[in-house]
Amino acid sequence: KNLPNVKVLRAANVNAYEIVNHDRLLLAKDAIPVLEERLG
């Protein structure tokens, strides 16, 4: 919340645009299977 230029999203709410529109991603380990399921 207090970091400039940081966007925090739940894995269940992420779309492909959010991923490709950022230079860096920081993911929780348990978010990876959720993203794989959502995004193929």
N, C-alpha and C. Protein backbone atom coordinates (compact mmCIF):
# COMPACT_ATOMS: atom_id res chain seq x y z
N LYS A 1 0.81 -1.20 0.00
CA LYS A 1 0.00 0.00 0.00
C LYS A 1 0.85 1.26 0.00
N ASN A 2 1.89 1.26 0.78
CA ASN A 2 2.68 2.48 0.94
C ASN A 2 3.88 2.57 0.01
N LEU A 3 4.03 1.63 -0.88
CA LEU A 3 5.15 1.67 -1.80
C LEU A 3 4.72 2.28 -3.13
N PRO A 4 5.46 3.27 -3.61
CA PRO A 4 5.08 3.88 -4.89
C PRO A 4 5.26 2.89 -6.04
N ASN A 5 4.38 2.96 -7.00
CA ASN A 5 4.44 2.13 -8.21
C ASN A 5 4.29 0.64 -7.94
N VAL A 6 3.69 0.28 -6.82
CA VAL A 6 3.46 -1.13 -6.50
C VAL A 6 1.96 -1.39 -6.56
N LYS A 7 1.61 -2.45 -7.23
CA LYS A 7 0.20 -2.85 -7.33
C LYS A 7 0.07 -4.25 -6.76
N VAL A 8 -0.81 -4.42 -5.81
CA VAL A 8 -1.02 -5.71 -5.16
C VAL A 8 -2.36 -6.27 -5.61
N LEU A 9 -2.32 -7.50 -6.13
CA LEU A 9 -3.54 -8.16 -6.60
C LEU A 9 -3.59 -9.58 -6.08
N ARG A 10 -4.78 -10.09 -5.92
CA ARG A 10 -4.96 -11.51 -5.59
C ARG A 10 -4.80 -12.31 -6.88
N ALA A 11 -4.22 -13.49 -6.78
CA ALA A 11 -4.00 -14.32 -7.97
C ALA A 11 -5.30 -14.61 -8.70
N ALA A 12 -6.38 -14.72 -7.96
CA ALA A 12 -7.68 -15.02 -8.57
C ALA A 12 -8.20 -13.86 -9.41
N ASN A 13 -7.64 -12.66 -9.23
CA ASN A 13 -8.11 -11.48 -9.96
C ASN A 13 -7.15 -10.99 -11.04
N VAL A 14 -6.04 -11.69 -11.22
CA VAL A 14 -5.03 -11.25 -12.19
C VAL A 14 -5.42 -11.70 -13.59
N ASN A 15 -5.15 -10.84 -14.57
CA ASN A 15 -5.37 -11.22 -15.96
C ASN A 15 -4.04 -11.08 -16.71
N ALA A 16 -4.01 -11.52 -17.94
CA ALA A 16 -2.77 -11.51 -18.73
C ALA A 16 -2.24 -10.09 -18.90
N TYR A 17 -3.12 -9.12 -19.07
CA TYR A 17 -2.70 -7.72 -19.23
C TYR A 17 -1.90 -7.25 -18.02
N GLU A 18 -2.37 -7.59 -16.82
CA GLU A 18 -1.67 -7.17 -15.61
C GLU A 18 -0.25 -7.74 -15.57
N ILE A 19 -0.07 -8.94 -16.08
CA ILE A 19 1.25 -9.57 -16.06
C ILE A 19 2.18 -8.95 -17.09
N VAL A 20 1.73 -8.80 -18.32
CA VAL A 20 2.63 -8.30 -19.37
C VAL A 20 2.83 -6.79 -19.29
N ASN A 21 2.00 -6.09 -18.55
CA ASN A 21 2.11 -4.64 -18.46
C ASN A 21 3.07 -4.18 -17.36
N HIS A 22 3.75 -5.10 -16.70
CA HIS A 22 4.67 -4.73 -15.62
C HIS A 22 6.06 -5.30 -15.91
N ASP A 23 7.07 -4.57 -15.47
CA ASP A 23 8.46 -5.00 -15.67
C ASP A 23 8.84 -6.14 -14.72
N ARG A 24 8.27 -6.13 -13.52
CA ARG A 24 8.63 -7.13 -12.51
C ARG A 24 7.37 -7.66 -11.83
N LEU A 25 7.46 -8.93 -11.44
CA LEU A 25 6.38 -9.56 -10.69
C LEU A 25 6.97 -10.21 -9.44
N LEU A 26 6.26 -10.10 -8.36
CA LEU A 26 6.61 -10.81 -7.13
C LEU A 26 5.41 -11.67 -6.79
N LEU A 27 5.63 -12.98 -6.80
CA LEU A 27 4.52 -13.92 -6.59
C LEU A 27 4.74 -14.74 -5.34
N ALA A 28 3.67 -15.00 -4.64
CA ALA A 28 3.71 -15.99 -3.56
C ALA A 28 3.75 -17.36 -4.22
N LYS A 29 4.42 -18.29 -3.60
CA LYS A 29 4.57 -19.63 -4.17
C LYS A 29 3.22 -20.28 -4.46
N ASP A 30 2.25 -20.08 -3.58
CA ASP A 30 0.94 -20.70 -3.78
C ASP A 30 0.10 -19.99 -4.82
N ALA A 31 0.55 -18.84 -5.32
CA ALA A 31 -0.17 -18.13 -6.38
C ALA A 31 0.11 -18.74 -7.76
N ILE A 32 1.22 -19.41 -7.91
CA ILE A 32 1.61 -19.93 -9.22
C ILE A 32 0.61 -20.93 -9.78
N PRO A 33 0.18 -21.94 -9.02
CA PRO A 33 -0.83 -22.87 -9.58
C PRO A 33 -2.15 -22.17 -9.90
N VAL A 34 -2.51 -21.18 -9.13
CA VAL A 34 -3.75 -20.43 -9.40
C VAL A 34 -3.63 -19.70 -10.73
N LEU A 35 -2.50 -19.06 -10.96
CA LEU A 35 -2.28 -18.34 -12.22
C LEU A 35 -2.21 -19.31 -13.40
N GLU A 36 -1.56 -20.44 -13.21
CA GLU A 36 -1.50 -21.44 -14.29
C GLU A 36 -2.90 -21.91 -14.67
N GLU A 37 -3.74 -22.11 -13.70
CA GLU A 37 -5.10 -22.56 -13.97
C GLU A 37 -5.91 -21.46 -14.67
N ARG A 38 -5.78 -20.23 -14.21
CA ARG A 38 -6.54 -19.12 -14.78
C ARG A 38 -6.07 -18.75 -16.18
N LEU A 39 -4.76 -18.76 -16.39
CA LEU A 39 -4.21 -18.23 -17.63
C LEU A 39 -3.78 -19.30 -18.62
N GLY A 40 -3.79 -20.54 -18.19
CA GLY A 40 -3.44 -21.64 -19.09
C GLY A 40 -2.00 -21.75 -19.24
